[in-house]
N, C-alpha and C. Protein backbone atom coordinates (compact mmCIF):
# COMPACT_ATOMS: atom_id res chain seq x y z
N MET A 1 9.96 -130.33 112.18
CA MET A 1 9.81 -130.10 112.80
C MET A 1 10.25 -128.70 113.37
N ASN A 2 10.51 -129.02 114.69
CA ASN A 2 10.38 -127.37 116.33
C ASN A 2 11.20 -127.59 116.43
N PHE A 3 11.98 -126.89 116.03
CA PHE A 3 13.56 -126.50 116.97
C PHE A 3 13.70 -125.35 118.18
N SER A 4 12.70 -124.71 118.08
CA SER A 4 12.66 -123.87 118.98
C SER A 4 13.14 -124.10 120.83
N SER A 5 12.71 -125.95 120.66
CA SER A 5 12.87 -126.61 121.98
C SER A 5 14.69 -127.59 121.88
N LEU A 6 15.09 -126.68 120.89
CA LEU A 6 16.08 -127.64 120.74
C LEU A 6 17.44 -126.80 121.24
N ILE A 7 17.17 -125.48 121.47
CA ILE A 7 18.09 -124.05 121.54
C ILE A 7 17.21 -122.97 123.06
N ASP A 8 18.05 -122.82 124.13
CA ASP A 8 17.41 -122.85 124.63
C ASP A 8 17.78 -120.82 124.70
N TRP A 9 16.91 -120.05 123.94
CA TRP A 9 17.13 -119.47 123.38
C TRP A 9 16.92 -117.89 124.75
N SER A 10 16.95 -117.68 126.17
CA SER A 10 16.92 -117.18 126.39
C SER A 10 18.11 -116.62 127.78
N PHE A 11 19.10 -118.35 128.23
CA PHE A 11 20.40 -118.25 127.93
C PHE A 11 20.89 -117.84 126.77
N PHE A 12 20.93 -118.02 125.99
CA PHE A 12 21.58 -117.58 124.28
C PHE A 12 21.90 -116.22 124.99
N TRP A 13 20.22 -115.31 124.95
CA TRP A 13 20.70 -114.06 125.20
C TRP A 13 21.08 -113.90 126.40
N ASN A 14 21.21 -113.87 127.50
CA ASN A 14 21.79 -113.51 128.58
C ASN A 14 23.17 -113.57 128.58
N VAL A 15 23.91 -114.63 128.08
CA VAL A 15 25.23 -115.08 127.52
C VAL A 15 25.94 -113.48 126.10
N PHE A 16 25.19 -113.44 125.65
CA PHE A 16 24.78 -112.50 124.24
C PHE A 16 25.11 -110.88 125.19
N ASN A 17 24.30 -110.67 126.32
CA ASN A 17 24.24 -109.23 126.78
C ASN A 17 25.44 -109.46 127.50
N ASN A 18 25.49 -109.31 127.98
CA ASN A 18 27.06 -110.24 129.31
C ASN A 18 27.99 -109.80 128.11
N PHE A 19 28.63 -110.77 127.06
CA PHE A 19 29.32 -110.30 126.11
C PHE A 19 29.32 -108.58 125.35
N LEU A 20 28.51 -108.58 125.24
CA LEU A 20 28.02 -106.71 124.70
C LEU A 20 27.89 -106.42 125.68
N PHE A 21 27.27 -105.98 126.85
CA PHE A 21 28.09 -105.28 127.87
C PHE A 21 29.75 -105.04 128.69
N SER A 22 30.54 -106.54 128.09
CA SER A 22 31.94 -106.31 128.59
C SER A 22 32.65 -105.98 127.85
N LEU A 23 32.14 -105.44 126.44
CA LEU A 23 33.08 -105.46 125.59
C LEU A 23 32.61 -104.22 125.38
N SER A 24 31.25 -103.18 125.00
CA SER A 24 31.31 -102.29 124.99
C SER A 24 32.07 -101.05 125.25
N PRO A 25 33.00 -100.90 126.58
CA PRO A 25 33.43 -99.99 127.04
C PRO A 25 34.84 -100.03 125.83
N PHE A 26 35.73 -101.04 125.47
CA PHE A 26 36.63 -101.14 124.61
C PHE A 26 36.22 -101.00 123.41
N ALA A 27 35.39 -100.76 122.77
CA ALA A 27 34.64 -100.63 121.48
C ALA A 27 34.26 -99.54 121.32
N LEU A 28 34.02 -98.65 122.06
CA LEU A 28 34.04 -97.56 121.95
C LEU A 28 35.43 -96.75 122.42
N ILE A 29 36.20 -97.39 122.96
CA ILE A 29 37.46 -96.42 123.20
C ILE A 29 38.15 -96.66 121.69
N VAL A 30 37.60 -98.07 120.88
CA VAL A 30 38.37 -97.73 119.72
C VAL A 30 37.74 -96.88 118.71
N VAL A 31 36.93 -96.94 119.01
CA VAL A 31 35.58 -95.59 117.94
C VAL A 31 36.29 -94.34 118.19
N ALA A 32 36.33 -94.04 119.79
CA ALA A 32 36.72 -92.66 119.87
C ALA A 32 37.78 -92.35 119.44
N ALA A 33 39.00 -93.26 119.31
CA ALA A 33 40.52 -92.98 118.91
C ALA A 33 39.68 -92.89 117.38
N ILE A 34 39.45 -93.76 116.55
CA ILE A 34 38.81 -93.73 115.43
C ILE A 34 38.57 -92.25 115.19
N GLY A 35 37.87 -91.91 115.50
CA GLY A 35 37.00 -90.38 115.69
C GLY A 35 38.11 -89.20 115.96
N VAL A 36 38.72 -89.42 116.86
CA VAL A 36 39.65 -88.37 117.44
C VAL A 36 41.07 -88.60 115.97
N GLY A 37 40.82 -89.52 115.46
CA GLY A 37 42.13 -89.40 114.61
C GLY A 37 41.25 -88.96 113.23
N LEU A 38 39.88 -88.66 112.90
CA LEU A 38 39.45 -87.91 111.53
C LEU A 38 39.39 -87.03 111.53
N VAL A 39 38.97 -86.59 112.94
CA VAL A 39 39.39 -85.04 113.11
C VAL A 39 40.06 -84.91 112.94
N ILE A 40 41.84 -85.06 113.13
CA ILE A 40 43.14 -84.21 113.90
C ILE A 40 43.61 -83.93 111.83
N ARG A 41 42.95 -85.24 111.46
CA ARG A 41 43.98 -85.53 109.98
C ARG A 41 42.98 -84.16 109.14
N VAL A 42 41.71 -84.05 109.86
CA VAL A 42 40.82 -83.23 108.48
C VAL A 42 41.36 -81.84 108.91
N LEU A 43 41.71 -81.09 110.33
CA LEU A 43 42.21 -80.41 111.13
C LEU A 43 43.68 -79.99 109.95
N ILE A 44 44.98 -81.01 110.16
CA ILE A 44 46.61 -81.13 109.37
C ILE A 44 45.75 -80.64 108.20
N SER A 45 44.63 -81.67 106.79
CA SER A 45 44.71 -81.18 106.01
C SER A 45 43.70 -79.55 105.36
N ALA A 46 43.13 -79.31 106.37
CA ALA A 46 42.91 -78.29 106.30
C ALA A 46 43.54 -76.97 106.33
N ILE A 47 44.45 -76.88 107.59
CA ILE A 47 45.92 -76.00 107.92
C ILE A 47 47.03 -76.09 106.90
N ALA A 48 47.02 -77.46 106.05
CA ALA A 48 47.98 -77.45 105.11
C ALA A 48 47.21 -77.00 103.46
N GLY A 49 46.25 -77.11 103.71
CA GLY A 49 45.67 -76.18 102.50
C GLY A 49 45.41 -75.18 102.57
N ALA A 50 45.20 -73.74 103.48
CA ALA A 50 45.30 -73.22 103.65
C ALA A 50 46.65 -72.06 104.00
N VAL A 51 47.71 -73.12 104.20
CA VAL A 51 48.87 -72.15 104.12
C VAL A 51 49.34 -72.07 102.67
N LYS A 52 49.03 -73.31 102.11
CA LYS A 52 49.46 -73.32 100.68
C LYS A 52 48.98 -72.14 100.03
N LYS A 53 47.52 -72.09 99.83
CA LYS A 53 47.15 -70.80 99.07
C LYS A 53 47.83 -69.43 99.38
């Protein structure tokens, strides 16, 4: 059976791209916040390690 005519793939990809482009700025904000948090944690642990020595 040919299921390719059952689903309108161009419509599916257009809707997917619309969601992707509308949600990507929010995902970037979350990723940037996690990255900044990791950098701050590394800096704090490096400073604390240097102070203990």
